[in-house]
Amino acid sequence: FVAFANDVQQILDWIEKHGDAFLQKNLAVGIGKSLRQAKKLDKMHTDFEMAIKNTKTNAENLIAAADNMYNEQIQQQKLAQTN
């Protein structure tokens, strides 16, 4: 459970540190002021999109792990009640 909680915190920290910062920084710059800037922003967005997809996959894996831990606990409780 401790490892699970640490993994969840890492995902939340990543979103706070990188996701919010990316959005704020790029909104402040002014989108599309020049072709060069637009291309740079497009590449940054593509890189960010890949990182977000990895983070989403990690979050989905953690949700599945949480479901498994919960189901195992329920099964153990049922076994304990029958014994």
N, C-alpha and C. Protein backbone atom coordinates (compact mmCIF):
# COMPACT_ATOMS: atom_id res chain seq x y z
N PHE A 1 0.82 -1.20 0.00
CA PHE A 1 0.00 0.00 0.00
C PHE A 1 0.86 1.26 0.00
N VAL A 2 1.96 1.23 0.73
CA VAL A 2 2.86 2.39 0.79
C VAL A 2 3.43 2.69 -0.60
N ALA A 3 3.84 1.65 -1.32
CA ALA A 3 4.36 1.85 -2.67
C ALA A 3 3.29 2.43 -3.58
N PHE A 4 2.07 1.96 -3.43
CA PHE A 4 0.95 2.49 -4.21
C PHE A 4 0.74 3.97 -3.92
N ALA A 5 0.72 4.33 -2.66
CA ALA A 5 0.53 5.74 -2.28
C ALA A 5 1.66 6.61 -2.82
N ASN A 6 2.89 6.10 -2.78
CA ASN A 6 4.03 6.85 -3.33
C ASN A 6 3.88 7.05 -4.84
N ASP A 7 3.44 6.01 -5.55
CA ASP A 7 3.25 6.13 -6.99
C ASP A 7 2.17 7.16 -7.33
N VAL A 8 1.09 7.15 -6.58
CA VAL A 8 0.02 8.13 -6.79
C VAL A 8 0.56 9.54 -6.57
N GLN A 9 1.32 9.72 -5.52
CA GLN A 9 1.87 11.05 -5.22
C GLN A 9 2.82 11.51 -6.32
N GLN A 10 3.60 10.58 -6.87
CA GLN A 10 4.51 10.94 -7.97
C GLN A 10 3.74 11.45 -9.18
N ILE A 11 2.63 10.81 -9.49
CA ILE A 11 1.82 11.25 -10.63
C ILE A 11 1.24 12.63 -10.36
N LEU A 12 0.70 12.83 -9.17
CA LEU A 12 0.13 14.14 -8.84
C LEU A 12 1.19 15.22 -8.85
N ASP A 13 2.37 14.90 -8.34
CA ASP A 13 3.48 15.87 -8.35
C ASP A 13 3.89 16.22 -9.77
N TRP A 14 3.94 15.21 -10.65
CA TRP A 14 4.32 15.46 -12.04
C TRP A 14 3.32 16.40 -12.70
N ILE A 15 2.03 16.12 -12.50
CA ILE A 15 1.00 16.97 -13.11
C ILE A 15 1.13 18.39 -12.60
N GLU A 16 1.32 18.54 -11.30
CA GLU A 16 1.43 19.89 -10.73
C GLU A 16 2.68 20.60 -11.22
N LYS A 17 3.80 19.89 -11.24
CA LYS A 17 5.07 20.52 -11.60
C LYS A 17 5.17 20.79 -13.10
N HIS A 18 4.80 19.81 -13.92
CA HIS A 18 5.02 19.92 -15.36
C HIS A 18 3.77 20.35 -16.12
N GLY A 19 2.65 19.73 -15.82
CA GLY A 19 1.43 20.02 -16.57
C GLY A 19 0.96 21.44 -16.41
N ASP A 20 0.76 21.87 -15.18
CA ASP A 20 0.30 23.23 -14.93
C ASP A 20 1.32 24.25 -15.41
N ALA A 21 2.59 23.97 -15.18
CA ALA A 21 3.64 24.91 -15.60
C ALA A 21 3.67 25.05 -17.12
N PHE A 22 3.53 23.94 -17.83
CA PHE A 22 3.52 23.97 -19.29
C PHE A 22 2.39 24.85 -19.80
N LEU A 23 1.21 24.65 -19.25
CA LEU A 23 0.06 25.43 -19.71
C LEU A 23 0.24 26.91 -19.41
N GLN A 24 0.65 27.24 -18.20
CA GLN A 24 0.81 28.64 -17.83
C GLN A 24 1.88 29.33 -18.66
N LYS A 25 3.01 28.65 -18.84
CA LYS A 25 4.12 29.23 -19.60
C LYS A 25 3.72 29.51 -21.04
N ASN A 26 3.02 28.59 -21.65
CA ASN A 26 2.70 28.73 -23.06
C ASN A 26 1.50 29.63 -23.32
N LEU A 27 0.65 29.79 -22.35
CA LEU A 27 -0.42 30.76 -22.50
C LEU A 27 0.12 32.18 -22.36
N ALA A 28 1.13 32.35 -21.53
CA ALA A 28 1.70 33.67 -21.29
C ALA A 28 2.53 34.16 -22.47
N VAL A 29 3.12 33.24 -23.24
CA VAL A 29 4.00 33.59 -24.35
C VAL A 29 3.22 34.25 -25.48
N GLY A 30 2.01 33.87 -25.68
CA GLY A 30 1.23 34.37 -26.81
C GLY A 30 1.33 33.39 -27.97
N ILE A 31 0.27 32.71 -28.21
CA ILE A 31 0.28 31.62 -29.19
C ILE A 31 0.22 32.19 -30.61
N GLY A 32 1.10 31.69 -31.46
CA GLY A 32 1.04 32.00 -32.88
C GLY A 32 1.56 33.36 -33.29
N LYS A 33 2.45 33.95 -32.54
CA LYS A 33 2.99 35.26 -32.92
C LYS A 33 3.86 35.19 -34.17
N SER A 34 4.48 34.04 -34.39
CA SER A 34 5.30 33.85 -35.59
C SER A 34 5.27 32.37 -35.97
N LEU A 35 5.66 32.08 -37.20
CA LEU A 35 5.70 30.69 -37.65
C LEU A 35 6.70 29.89 -36.82
N ARG A 36 7.86 30.48 -36.55
CA ARG A 36 8.88 29.81 -35.74
C ARG A 36 8.34 29.46 -34.36
N GLN A 37 7.67 30.42 -33.75
CA GLN A 37 7.12 30.19 -32.42
C GLN A 37 6.01 29.15 -32.46
N ALA A 38 5.19 29.19 -33.51
CA ALA A 38 4.12 28.21 -33.64
C ALA A 38 4.68 26.80 -33.80
N LYS A 39 5.75 26.65 -34.60
CA LYS A 39 6.38 25.34 -34.78
C LYS A 39 7.01 24.85 -33.47
N LYS A 40 7.63 25.76 -32.76
CA LYS A 40 8.24 25.41 -31.47
C LYS A 40 7.16 24.96 -30.49
N LEU A 41 6.07 25.69 -30.45
CA LEU A 41 4.97 25.33 -29.57
C LEU A 41 4.36 23.99 -29.96
N ASP A 42 4.26 23.73 -31.27
CA ASP A 42 3.74 22.46 -31.75
C ASP A 42 4.62 21.30 -31.29
N LYS A 43 5.93 21.46 -31.39
CA LYS A 43 6.85 20.40 -30.93
C LYS A 43 6.75 20.21 -29.42
N MET A 44 6.69 21.32 -28.70
CA MET A 44 6.56 21.23 -27.24
C MET A 44 5.26 20.52 -26.88
N HIS A 45 4.21 20.82 -27.61
CA HIS A 45 2.92 20.18 -27.35
C HIS A 45 2.99 18.68 -27.61
N THR A 46 3.65 18.31 -28.71
CA THR A 46 3.80 16.89 -29.04
C THR A 46 4.58 16.17 -27.94
N ASP A 47 5.66 16.77 -27.48
CA ASP A 47 6.46 16.18 -26.40
C ASP A 47 5.63 16.07 -25.12
N PHE A 48 4.89 17.13 -24.82
CA PHE A 48 4.05 17.15 -23.63
C PHE A 48 2.96 16.08 -23.74
N GLU A 49 2.39 15.95 -24.92
CA GLU A 49 1.34 14.95 -25.13
C GLU A 49 1.86 13.54 -24.86
N MET A 50 3.08 13.25 -25.30
CA MET A 50 3.67 11.94 -25.03
C MET A 50 3.88 11.72 -23.53
N ALA A 51 4.36 12.74 -22.86
CA ALA A 51 4.56 12.62 -21.41
C ALA A 51 3.24 12.42 -20.69
N ILE A 52 2.22 13.13 -21.13
CA ILE A 52 0.89 12.99 -20.50
C ILE A 52 0.32 11.60 -20.75
N LYS A 53 0.53 11.06 -21.95
CA LYS A 53 0.05 9.71 -22.24
C LYS A 53 0.72 8.70 -21.30
N ASN A 54 2.02 8.86 -21.07
CA ASN A 54 2.72 7.97 -20.14
C ASN A 54 2.17 8.12 -18.73
N THR A 55 1.91 9.35 -18.33
CA THR A 55 1.36 9.60 -17.00
C THR A 55 -0.03 8.98 -16.88
N LYS A 56 -0.83 9.11 -17.93
CA LYS A 56 -2.18 8.53 -17.93
C LYS A 56 -2.10 7.01 -17.80
N THR A 57 -1.19 6.40 -18.55
CA THR A 57 -1.01 4.95 -18.47
C THR A 57 -0.61 4.54 -17.05
N ASN A 58 0.31 5.28 -16.45
CA ASN A 58 0.72 4.98 -15.08
C ASN A 58 -0.45 5.13 -14.12
N ALA A 59 -1.26 6.15 -14.30
CA ALA A 59 -2.42 6.36 -13.44
C ALA A 59 -3.42 5.22 -13.60
N GLU A 60 -3.66 4.78 -14.83
CA GLU A 60 -4.57 3.66 -15.08
C GLU A 60 -4.04 2.39 -14.43
N ASN A 61 -2.74 2.17 -14.50
CA ASN A 61 -2.15 0.99 -13.85
C ASN A 61 -2.32 1.06 -12.34
N LEU A 62 -2.17 2.25 -11.77
CA LEU A 62 -2.36 2.41 -10.33
C LEU A 62 -3.81 2.18 -9.93
N ILE A 63 -4.74 2.63 -10.75
CA ILE A 63 -6.16 2.39 -10.46
C ILE A 63 -6.45 0.90 -10.49
N ALA A 64 -5.91 0.20 -11.47
CA ALA A 64 -6.09 -1.25 -11.55
C ALA A 64 -5.48 -1.94 -10.33
N ALA A 65 -4.30 -1.48 -9.91
CA ALA A 65 -3.66 -2.05 -8.71
C ALA A 65 -4.51 -1.80 -7.48
N ALA A 66 -5.09 -0.61 -7.38
CA ALA A 66 -5.95 -0.29 -6.23
C ALA A 66 -7.18 -1.19 -6.23
N ASP A 67 -7.77 -1.41 -7.40
CA ASP A 67 -8.93 -2.30 -7.51
C ASP A 67 -8.56 -3.71 -7.06
N ASN A 68 -7.39 -4.18 -7.51
CA ASN A 68 -6.94 -5.52 -7.12
C ASN A 68 -6.72 -5.62 -5.62
N MET A 69 -6.09 -4.61 -5.03
CA MET A 69 -5.86 -4.62 -3.58
C MET A 69 -7.19 -4.64 -2.84
N TYR A 70 -8.14 -3.85 -3.30
CA TYR A 70 -9.46 -3.79 -2.66
C TYR A 70 -10.15 -5.15 -2.76
N ASN A 71 -10.16 -5.73 -3.96
CA ASN A 71 -10.81 -7.02 -4.16
C ASN A 71 -10.16 -8.12 -3.33
N GLU A 72 -8.84 -8.10 -3.22
CA GLU A 72 -8.15 -9.08 -2.39
C GLU A 72 -8.53 -8.92 -0.92
N GLN A 73 -8.64 -7.68 -0.48
CA GLN A 73 -9.03 -7.44 0.91
C GLN A 73 -10.45 -7.94 1.17
N ILE A 74 -11.35 -7.72 0.24
CA ILE A 74 -12.73 -8.20 0.39
C ILE A 74 -12.74 -9.72 0.46
N GLN A 75 -11.97 -10.37 -0.41
CA GLN A 75 -11.91 -11.83 -0.40
C GLN A 75 -11.35 -12.35 0.92
N GLN A 76 -10.32 -11.70 1.44
CA GLN A 76 -9.74 -12.11 2.73
C GLN A 76 -10.75 -11.93 3.85
N GLN A 77 -11.53 -10.87 3.82
CA GLN A 77 -12.55 -10.64 4.84
C GLN A 77 -13.63 -11.71 4.77
N LYS A 78 -14.03 -12.09 3.56
CA LYS A 78 -15.04 -13.13 3.39
C LYS A 78 -14.52 -14.47 3.91
N LEU A 79 -13.25 -14.78 3.62
CA LEU A 79 -12.66 -16.02 4.11
C LEU A 79 -12.58 -16.02 5.63
N ALA A 80 -12.22 -14.89 6.21
CA ALA A 80 -12.11 -14.78 7.66
C ALA A 80 -13.47 -14.96 8.32
N GLN A 81 -14.52 -14.50 7.69
CA GLN A 81 -15.87 -14.62 8.25
C GLN A 81 -16.37 -16.06 8.19
N THR A 82 -15.95 -16.82 7.20
CA THR A 82 -16.41 -18.21 7.07
C THR A 82 -15.62 -19.15 7.98
N ASN A 83 -14.46 -18.71 8.46
CA ASN A 83 -13.64 -19.58 9.33
C ASN A 83 -13.95 -19.36 10.75
